[in-house]
Amino acid sequence: MQSDYVATVEENGVKQDYPGSITMKGELFLLTMSGHHVAFDGKTMYTYSEETDELTLTEPQEEELTETNPLLYAKAVAEVCAITEETSKDGTQTIVTLTPHDQTQGVNRFVLKIRNADLMPLEVEVKESLQRTILKFTNPAYISTPVTFTIEPDETTFVNDLRL
């Protein structure tokens, strides 16, 4: 899947928009947002900052990956949630809502809107305490071109290798 997106973070009535793009294949992904690029090739996470020209390499634990990828998060927490599914009024989308049984900490609600025609995610909403984050995908589509889920540094890039 490949798509541009806008992540809107709302806290105490103040909204901030963060545009970006994402390419995903299973658990592999390539994400760009606000001068930051993150890639995961199944073993190594590459995090690059344009501002500092620094590339950090790590081998993330499963918990770190679920925090980075909202679809993996939904899969990980499904066992501890009440799950509802409904069709949108116009019938073009399925809306899946996950509500954790324990509302005292962490995420209070996770909503995923899926386009019925091709099962593409259209929107992800995460409500956590006083903060709400909405990730709206723009024209998500399946791609067939090969993608490299790594980030290669330039000769001037500082590489911070934190892999074990």
N, C-alpha and C. Protein backbone atom coordinates (compact mmCIF):
# COMPACT_ATOMS: atom_id res chain seq x y z
N MET A 1 0.83 -1.17 0.00
CA MET A 1 0.00 0.00 0.00
C MET A 1 0.89 1.24 0.00
N GLN A 2 0.43 2.26 -0.68
CA GLN A 2 1.14 3.54 -0.67
C GLN A 2 0.10 4.65 -0.61
N SER A 3 0.40 5.68 0.18
CA SER A 3 -0.53 6.80 0.30
C SER A 3 0.15 8.01 0.91
N ASP A 4 -0.32 9.18 0.52
CA ASP A 4 -0.02 10.39 1.26
C ASP A 4 -1.02 10.43 2.42
N TYR A 5 -0.75 11.22 3.43
CA TYR A 5 -1.67 11.32 4.56
C TYR A 5 -1.50 12.67 5.24
N VAL A 6 -2.45 12.98 6.09
CA VAL A 6 -2.34 14.12 7.01
C VAL A 6 -2.68 13.57 8.38
N ALA A 7 -1.75 13.75 9.32
CA ALA A 7 -1.99 13.38 10.71
C ALA A 7 -2.39 14.65 11.44
N THR A 8 -3.59 14.65 12.01
CA THR A 8 -4.08 15.79 12.78
C THR A 8 -4.07 15.41 14.24
N VAL A 9 -3.34 16.18 15.04
CA VAL A 9 -3.27 15.95 16.48
C VAL A 9 -4.04 17.08 17.15
N GLU A 10 -5.03 16.71 17.96
CA GLU A 10 -5.85 17.69 18.67
C GLU A 10 -5.71 17.46 20.17
N GLU A 11 -5.32 18.54 20.86
CA GLU A 11 -5.18 18.46 22.31
C GLU A 11 -5.64 19.79 22.91
N ASN A 12 -6.57 19.71 23.86
CA ASN A 12 -7.13 20.90 24.50
C ASN A 12 -7.67 21.91 23.48
N GLY A 13 -8.32 21.41 22.42
CA GLY A 13 -8.93 22.27 21.41
C GLY A 13 -7.97 22.83 20.38
N VAL A 14 -6.68 22.52 20.49
CA VAL A 14 -5.69 23.02 19.54
C VAL A 14 -5.34 21.89 18.58
N LYS A 15 -5.44 22.19 17.26
CA LYS A 15 -5.14 21.19 16.24
C LYS A 15 -3.85 21.53 15.51
N GLN A 16 -3.05 20.50 15.24
CA GLN A 16 -1.82 20.62 14.45
C GLN A 16 -1.90 19.57 13.35
N ASP A 17 -1.61 19.97 12.11
CA ASP A 17 -1.59 19.03 10.99
C ASP A 17 -0.16 18.71 10.60
N TYR A 18 0.08 17.44 10.32
CA TYR A 18 1.40 16.97 9.90
C TYR A 18 1.24 16.12 8.64
N PRO A 19 1.54 16.68 7.47
CA PRO A 19 1.43 15.89 6.24
C PRO A 19 2.60 14.93 6.09
N GLY A 20 2.37 13.86 5.35
CA GLY A 20 3.44 12.90 5.11
C GLY A 20 3.03 11.88 4.08
N SER A 21 3.84 10.84 3.96
CA SER A 21 3.52 9.74 3.05
C SER A 21 3.99 8.44 3.67
N ILE A 22 3.34 7.36 3.26
CA ILE A 22 3.69 6.05 3.80
C ILE A 22 3.59 5.00 2.69
N THR A 23 4.52 4.06 2.74
CA THR A 23 4.48 2.87 1.90
C THR A 23 4.61 1.68 2.85
N MET A 24 3.70 0.72 2.72
CA MET A 24 3.70 -0.44 3.61
C MET A 24 3.59 -1.73 2.80
N LYS A 25 4.25 -2.76 3.32
CA LYS A 25 4.10 -4.11 2.79
C LYS A 25 4.23 -5.05 3.98
N GLY A 26 3.11 -5.55 4.47
CA GLY A 26 3.13 -6.36 5.68
C GLY A 26 3.62 -5.51 6.83
N GLU A 27 4.64 -5.96 7.54
CA GLU A 27 5.19 -5.18 8.66
C GLU A 27 6.27 -4.19 8.21
N LEU A 28 6.67 -4.25 6.94
CA LEU A 28 7.69 -3.35 6.41
C LEU A 28 7.05 -2.01 6.07
N PHE A 29 7.77 -0.91 6.33
CA PHE A 29 7.20 0.39 5.98
C PHE A 29 8.28 1.42 5.72
N LEU A 30 7.87 2.46 5.02
CA LEU A 30 8.68 3.63 4.72
C LEU A 30 7.77 4.82 4.97
N LEU A 31 8.15 5.69 5.90
CA LEU A 31 7.30 6.78 6.37
C LEU A 31 8.07 8.09 6.27
N THR A 32 7.41 9.13 5.77
CA THR A 32 8.02 10.46 5.69
C THR A 32 7.05 11.45 6.31
N MET A 33 7.58 12.33 7.21
CA MET A 33 6.75 13.35 7.83
C MET A 33 7.63 14.44 8.41
N SER A 34 7.37 15.68 8.03
CA SER A 34 8.01 16.87 8.62
C SER A 34 9.54 16.75 8.69
N GLY A 35 10.17 16.39 7.59
CA GLY A 35 11.63 16.33 7.56
C GLY A 35 12.22 15.11 8.23
N HIS A 36 11.38 14.16 8.59
CA HIS A 36 11.85 12.90 9.18
C HIS A 36 11.43 11.75 8.27
N HIS A 37 12.32 10.77 8.16
CA HIS A 37 12.06 9.59 7.35
C HIS A 37 12.33 8.38 8.23
N VAL A 38 11.40 7.44 8.24
CA VAL A 38 11.55 6.23 9.04
C VAL A 38 11.28 5.04 8.13
N ALA A 39 12.16 4.06 8.17
CA ALA A 39 11.98 2.84 7.39
C ALA A 39 12.22 1.64 8.30
N PHE A 40 11.50 0.56 8.01
CA PHE A 40 11.71 -0.69 8.73
C PHE A 40 11.74 -1.81 7.71
N ASP A 41 12.85 -2.57 7.69
CA ASP A 41 13.04 -3.63 6.69
C ASP A 41 12.76 -5.03 7.23
N GLY A 42 12.13 -5.10 8.40
CA GLY A 42 11.84 -6.40 9.02
C GLY A 42 12.79 -6.72 10.15
N LYS A 43 13.93 -6.03 10.20
CA LYS A 43 14.91 -6.24 11.26
C LYS A 43 15.42 -4.90 11.81
N THR A 44 15.81 -4.00 10.92
CA THR A 44 16.42 -2.74 11.32
C THR A 44 15.45 -1.58 11.07
N MET A 45 15.37 -0.65 12.04
CA MET A 45 14.63 0.58 11.85
C MET A 45 15.64 1.68 11.55
N TYR A 46 15.37 2.43 10.48
CA TYR A 46 16.21 3.53 10.03
C TYR A 46 15.43 4.81 10.30
N THR A 47 16.00 5.72 11.06
CA THR A 47 15.35 7.00 11.36
C THR A 47 16.29 8.11 10.94
N TYR A 48 15.84 8.90 9.95
CA TYR A 48 16.68 9.95 9.40
C TYR A 48 16.05 11.31 9.64
N SER A 49 16.85 12.27 10.13
CA SER A 49 16.42 13.65 10.32
C SER A 49 17.13 14.53 9.31
N GLU A 50 16.34 15.22 8.47
CA GLU A 50 16.93 16.15 7.50
C GLU A 50 17.61 17.31 8.22
N GLU A 51 17.02 17.76 9.33
CA GLU A 51 17.54 18.92 10.06
C GLU A 51 18.96 18.69 10.56
N THR A 52 19.22 17.51 11.10
CA THR A 52 20.54 17.22 11.66
C THR A 52 21.42 16.38 10.73
N ASP A 53 20.85 15.91 9.62
CA ASP A 53 21.53 15.01 8.70
C ASP A 53 22.09 13.82 9.46
N GLU A 54 21.23 13.23 10.31
CA GLU A 54 21.63 12.10 11.14
C GLU A 54 20.73 10.90 10.86
N LEU A 55 21.33 9.74 10.71
CA LEU A 55 20.62 8.49 10.50
C LEU A 55 20.89 7.59 11.70
N THR A 56 19.82 7.17 12.37
CA THR A 56 19.95 6.29 13.52
C THR A 56 19.42 4.92 13.14
N LEU A 57 20.20 3.88 13.44
CA LEU A 57 19.84 2.50 13.14
C LEU A 57 19.58 1.78 14.46
N THR A 58 18.42 1.12 14.55
CA THR A 58 18.09 0.34 15.75
C THR A 58 17.44 -0.97 15.33
N GLU A 59 17.39 -1.90 16.26
CA GLU A 59 16.62 -3.13 16.08
C GLU A 59 15.48 -3.05 17.08
N PRO A 60 14.32 -2.56 16.62
CA PRO A 60 13.22 -2.28 17.54
C PRO A 60 12.58 -3.54 18.11
N GLN A 61 12.08 -3.41 19.34
CA GLN A 61 11.29 -4.47 19.95
C GLN A 61 9.88 -4.38 19.38
N GLU A 62 9.09 -5.40 19.56
CA GLU A 62 7.74 -5.43 19.01
C GLU A 62 6.91 -4.25 19.51
N GLU A 63 7.09 -3.87 20.77
CA GLU A 63 6.32 -2.75 21.33
C GLU A 63 6.60 -1.45 20.58
N GLU A 64 7.88 -1.22 20.22
CA GLU A 64 8.23 -0.01 19.47
C GLU A 64 7.57 0.00 18.09
N LEU A 65 7.49 -1.15 17.46
CA LEU A 65 6.87 -1.23 16.14
C LEU A 65 5.37 -0.96 16.22
N THR A 66 4.71 -1.45 17.26
CA THR A 66 3.27 -1.21 17.38
C THR A 66 2.99 0.27 17.64
N GLU A 67 3.91 0.98 18.28
CA GLU A 67 3.73 2.41 18.50
C GLU A 67 3.94 3.21 17.22
N THR A 68 4.71 2.69 16.28
CA THR A 68 5.00 3.37 15.03
C THR A 68 3.93 3.10 13.98
N ASN A 69 3.36 1.92 13.97
CA ASN A 69 2.43 1.49 12.93
C ASN A 69 1.05 1.29 13.53
N PRO A 70 0.08 2.18 13.23
CA PRO A 70 -1.24 2.07 13.84
C PRO A 70 -1.98 0.77 13.50
N LEU A 71 -1.72 0.20 12.35
CA LEU A 71 -2.39 -1.05 12.00
C LEU A 71 -1.84 -2.22 12.81
N LEU A 72 -0.54 -2.21 13.09
CA LEU A 72 0.03 -3.23 13.98
C LEU A 72 -0.47 -3.04 15.41
N TYR A 73 -0.67 -1.77 15.80
CA TYR A 73 -1.20 -1.49 17.14
C TYR A 73 -2.59 -2.12 17.29
N ALA A 74 -3.45 -1.91 16.31
CA ALA A 74 -4.80 -2.47 16.37
C ALA A 74 -4.75 -3.99 16.51
N LYS A 75 -3.89 -4.62 15.75
CA LYS A 75 -3.75 -6.08 15.81
C LYS A 75 -3.26 -6.52 17.20
N ALA A 76 -2.32 -5.76 17.77
CA ALA A 76 -1.73 -6.13 19.06
C ALA A 76 -2.71 -6.00 20.22
N VAL A 77 -3.60 -5.01 20.17
CA VAL A 77 -4.49 -4.77 21.32
C VAL A 77 -5.88 -5.38 21.15
N ALA A 78 -6.13 -6.00 20.02
CA ALA A 78 -7.47 -6.53 19.74
C ALA A 78 -7.97 -7.48 20.83
N GLU A 79 -7.07 -8.24 21.45
CA GLU A 79 -7.47 -9.22 22.47
C GLU A 79 -7.99 -8.57 23.75
N VAL A 80 -7.62 -7.33 24.02
CA VAL A 80 -8.04 -6.67 25.27
C VAL A 80 -9.07 -5.57 25.00
N CYS A 81 -9.77 -5.68 23.88
CA CYS A 81 -10.74 -4.65 23.48
C CYS A 81 -12.10 -5.24 23.18
N ALA A 82 -13.11 -4.39 23.35
CA ALA A 82 -14.42 -4.67 22.77
C ALA A 82 -14.33 -4.16 21.34
N ILE A 83 -14.77 -4.97 20.38
CA ILE A 83 -14.65 -4.62 18.97
C ILE A 83 -16.04 -4.54 18.35
N THR A 84 -16.30 -3.41 17.69
CA THR A 84 -17.55 -3.29 16.95
C THR A 84 -17.23 -3.00 15.49
N GLU A 85 -18.15 -3.40 14.64
CA GLU A 85 -17.98 -3.16 13.20
C GLU A 85 -19.32 -2.69 12.65
N GLU A 86 -19.28 -1.62 11.86
CA GLU A 86 -20.50 -1.13 11.24
C GLU A 86 -20.19 -0.63 9.84
N THR A 87 -21.20 -0.55 9.02
CA THR A 87 -21.06 -0.03 7.67
C THR A 87 -21.45 1.44 7.68
N SER A 88 -20.70 2.26 6.93
CA SER A 88 -21.02 3.68 6.84
C SER A 88 -22.41 3.86 6.22
N LYS A 89 -22.99 5.03 6.42
CA LYS A 89 -24.34 5.30 5.91
C LYS A 89 -24.44 5.11 4.40
N ASP A 90 -23.38 5.48 3.66
CA ASP A 90 -23.43 5.34 2.21
C ASP A 90 -23.00 3.94 1.73
N GLY A 91 -22.59 3.08 2.67
CA GLY A 91 -22.24 1.70 2.34
C GLY A 91 -20.87 1.50 1.73
N THR A 92 -20.07 2.55 1.62
CA THR A 92 -18.77 2.43 0.95
C THR A 92 -17.63 2.08 1.91
N GLN A 93 -17.88 2.19 3.22
CA GLN A 93 -16.82 1.97 4.20
C GLN A 93 -17.28 1.03 5.32
N THR A 94 -16.32 0.34 5.90
CA THR A 94 -16.54 -0.40 7.13
C THR A 94 -15.79 0.33 8.22
N ILE A 95 -16.46 0.54 9.35
CA ILE A 95 -15.86 1.26 10.47
C ILE A 95 -15.68 0.26 11.61
N VAL A 96 -14.42 0.04 11.98
CA VAL A 96 -14.08 -0.89 13.05
C VAL A 96 -13.62 -0.07 14.25
N THR A 97 -14.26 -0.28 15.39
CA THR A 97 -13.92 0.45 16.61
C THR A 97 -13.42 -0.53 17.66
N LEU A 98 -12.23 -0.25 18.20
CA LEU A 98 -11.67 -1.03 19.29
C LEU A 98 -11.69 -0.16 20.55
N THR A 99 -12.31 -0.66 21.59
CA THR A 99 -12.38 0.06 22.86
C THR A 99 -11.77 -0.83 23.94
N PRO A 100 -10.60 -0.44 24.46
CA PRO A 100 -9.98 -1.27 25.50
C PRO A 100 -10.88 -1.42 26.72
N HIS A 101 -10.89 -2.61 27.30
CA HIS A 101 -11.69 -2.86 28.50
C HIS A 101 -11.18 -2.00 29.65
N ASP A 102 -9.87 -1.80 29.74
CA ASP A 102 -9.27 -0.97 30.79
C ASP A 102 -9.13 0.45 30.24
N GLN A 103 -9.97 1.36 30.72
CA GLN A 103 -9.97 2.74 30.26
C GLN A 103 -9.13 3.66 31.15
N THR A 104 -8.39 3.10 32.11
CA THR A 104 -7.65 3.93 33.06
C THR A 104 -6.30 4.39 32.55
N GLN A 105 -5.78 3.76 31.49
CA GLN A 105 -4.49 4.18 30.96
C GLN A 105 -4.39 3.85 29.49
N GLY A 106 -3.53 4.58 28.81
CA GLY A 106 -3.30 4.33 27.39
C GLY A 106 -4.44 4.79 26.50
N VAL A 107 -4.60 4.10 25.39
CA VAL A 107 -5.59 4.45 24.38
C VAL A 107 -7.00 4.14 24.90
N ASN A 108 -7.92 5.10 24.70
CA ASN A 108 -9.31 4.91 25.10
C ASN A 108 -10.19 4.40 23.96
N ARG A 109 -9.79 4.75 22.71
CA ARG A 109 -10.57 4.31 21.55
C ARG A 109 -9.67 4.33 20.32
N PHE A 110 -9.88 3.34 19.46
CA PHE A 110 -9.15 3.23 18.20
C PHE A 110 -10.18 2.94 17.12
N VAL A 111 -10.26 3.80 16.11
CA VAL A 111 -11.26 3.63 15.05
C VAL A 111 -10.53 3.54 13.71
N LEU A 112 -10.88 2.53 12.94
CA LEU A 112 -10.29 2.31 11.63
C LEU A 112 -11.41 2.32 10.60
N LYS A 113 -11.29 3.20 9.59
CA LYS A 113 -12.25 3.24 8.49
C LYS A 113 -11.60 2.62 7.27
N ILE A 114 -12.29 1.64 6.68
CA ILE A 114 -11.75 0.87 5.56
C ILE A 114 -12.67 1.02 4.35
N ARG A 115 -12.10 1.28 3.19
CA ARG A 115 -12.87 1.36 1.95
C ARG A 115 -13.27 -0.06 1.53
N ASN A 116 -14.55 -0.30 1.38
CA ASN A 116 -15.04 -1.64 1.08
C ASN A 116 -14.61 -2.14 -0.29
N ALA A 117 -14.48 -1.26 -1.27
CA ALA A 117 -14.17 -1.69 -2.64
C ALA A 117 -12.85 -2.44 -2.75
N ASP A 118 -11.83 -2.02 -1.98
CA ASP A 118 -10.52 -2.66 -2.09
C ASP A 118 -9.84 -2.91 -0.74
N LEU A 119 -10.58 -2.70 0.35
CA LEU A 119 -10.09 -2.93 1.72
C LEU A 119 -8.92 -2.03 2.11
N MET A 120 -8.81 -0.87 1.49
CA MET A 120 -7.76 0.10 1.82
C MET A 120 -8.16 0.89 3.07
N PRO A 121 -7.21 1.12 3.98
CA PRO A 121 -7.50 1.99 5.12
C PRO A 121 -7.65 3.43 4.63
N LEU A 122 -8.68 4.11 5.11
CA LEU A 122 -8.92 5.51 4.74
C LEU A 122 -8.61 6.46 5.89
N GLU A 123 -8.84 5.98 7.11
CA GLU A 123 -8.65 6.85 8.27
C GLU A 123 -8.43 6.02 9.52
N VAL A 124 -7.55 6.51 10.37
CA VAL A 124 -7.31 5.91 11.68
C VAL A 124 -7.45 7.03 12.70
N GLU A 125 -8.26 6.77 13.73
CA GLU A 125 -8.42 7.74 14.82
C GLU A 125 -8.02 7.06 16.12
N VAL A 126 -7.15 7.74 16.88
CA VAL A 126 -6.71 7.22 18.17
C VAL A 126 -7.03 8.27 19.21
N LYS A 127 -7.83 7.89 20.21
CA LYS A 127 -8.19 8.79 21.31
C LYS A 127 -7.48 8.31 22.55
N GLU A 128 -6.67 9.19 23.12
CA GLU A 128 -5.91 8.84 24.32
C GLU A 128 -5.99 10.02 25.28
N SER A 129 -6.72 9.82 26.39
CA SER A 129 -6.91 10.86 27.40
C SER A 129 -7.44 12.14 26.74
N LEU A 130 -6.70 13.23 26.81
CA LEU A 130 -7.15 14.51 26.25
C LEU A 130 -6.66 14.74 24.83
N GLN A 131 -5.99 13.76 24.25
CA GLN A 131 -5.43 13.91 22.91
C GLN A 131 -6.15 13.00 21.92
N ARG A 132 -6.39 13.54 20.74
CA ARG A 132 -7.00 12.76 19.65
C ARG A 132 -6.13 12.94 18.41
N THR A 133 -5.77 11.83 17.79
CA THR A 133 -4.96 11.85 16.58
C THR A 133 -5.76 11.19 15.46
N ILE A 134 -5.87 11.90 14.34
CA ILE A 134 -6.57 11.35 13.17
C ILE A 134 -5.59 11.30 12.01
N LEU A 135 -5.45 10.15 11.44
CA LEU A 135 -4.57 9.92 10.30
C LEU A 135 -5.46 9.66 9.09
N LYS A 136 -5.52 10.64 8.16
CA LYS A 136 -6.36 10.49 6.95
C LYS A 136 -5.47 10.21 5.76
N PHE A 137 -5.74 9.07 5.13
CA PHE A 137 -4.98 8.66 3.95
C PHE A 137 -5.59 9.30 2.71
N THR A 138 -4.74 9.78 1.80
CA THR A 138 -5.19 10.40 0.56
C THR A 138 -4.92 9.45 -0.60
N ASN A 139 -5.95 8.96 -1.22
CA ASN A 139 -5.83 8.05 -2.37
C ASN A 139 -4.92 6.85 -2.10
N PRO A 140 -5.19 6.08 -1.05
CA PRO A 140 -4.36 4.89 -0.82
C PRO A 140 -4.54 3.90 -1.96
N ALA A 141 -3.46 3.24 -2.33
CA ALA A 141 -3.52 2.30 -3.45
C ALA A 141 -2.48 1.20 -3.27
N TYR A 142 -2.78 0.07 -3.87
CA TYR A 142 -1.79 -1.00 -3.92
C TYR A 142 -0.76 -0.64 -4.98
N ILE A 143 0.49 -0.96 -4.71
CA ILE A 143 1.54 -0.69 -5.69
C ILE A 143 2.23 -2.00 -6.05
N SER A 144 2.74 -2.06 -7.25
CA SER A 144 3.43 -3.27 -7.68
C SER A 144 4.92 -3.03 -7.90
N THR A 145 5.33 -1.76 -7.89
CA THR A 145 6.76 -1.48 -8.08
C THR A 145 7.54 -1.88 -6.83
N PRO A 146 8.71 -2.46 -7.01
CA PRO A 146 9.52 -2.86 -5.86
C PRO A 146 9.93 -1.64 -5.03
N VAL A 147 9.92 -1.80 -3.72
CA VAL A 147 10.29 -0.73 -2.79
C VAL A 147 11.40 -1.25 -1.89
N THR A 148 12.38 -0.40 -1.61
CA THR A 148 13.43 -0.73 -0.65
C THR A 148 13.07 -0.08 0.67
N PHE A 149 12.91 -0.87 1.71
CA PHE A 149 12.50 -0.36 3.01
C PHE A 149 13.72 -0.08 3.89
N THR A 150 14.67 0.65 3.31
CA THR A 150 15.87 1.08 4.04
C THR A 150 16.14 2.53 3.67
N ILE A 151 17.02 3.16 4.40
CA ILE A 151 17.47 4.52 4.07
C ILE A 151 18.98 4.47 4.01
N GLU A 152 19.52 4.84 2.87
CA GLU A 152 20.97 4.83 2.69
C GLU A 152 21.53 6.23 2.96
N PRO A 153 22.55 6.35 3.80
CA PRO A 153 23.12 7.67 4.12
C PRO A 153 24.01 8.20 3.00
N ASP A 154 24.07 9.54 2.92
CA ASP A 154 25.06 10.18 2.06
C ASP A 154 26.41 10.12 2.77
N GLU A 155 27.46 10.50 2.07
CA GLU A 155 28.80 10.46 2.68
C GLU A 155 28.94 11.48 3.83
N THR A 156 28.08 12.51 3.86
CA THR A 156 28.16 13.51 4.93
C THR A 156 27.23 13.23 6.10
N THR A 157 26.37 12.23 5.96
CA THR A 157 25.39 11.91 7.01
C THR A 157 26.09 11.27 8.21
N PHE A 158 25.74 11.74 9.41
CA PHE A 158 26.24 11.11 10.63
C PHE A 158 25.38 9.88 10.89
N VAL A 159 26.01 8.70 11.01
CA VAL A 159 25.29 7.46 11.25
C VAL A 159 25.49 7.05 12.71
N ASN A 160 24.37 6.90 13.41
CA ASN A 160 24.36 6.52 14.81
C ASN A 160 23.80 5.09 14.85
N ASP A 161 24.67 4.09 14.90
CA ASP A 161 24.26 2.69 14.85
C ASP A 161 24.09 2.14 16.27
N LEU A 162 22.84 1.95 16.68
CA LEU A 162 22.54 1.48 18.03
C LEU A 162 22.10 0.02 18.04
N ARG A 163 22.32 -0.68 16.93
CA ARG A 163 21.95 -2.09 16.88
C ARG A 163 22.86 -2.90 17.80
N LEU A 164 22.30 -3.93 18.36
CA LEU A 164 23.07 -4.81 19.26
C LEU A 164 23.97 -5.75 18.50
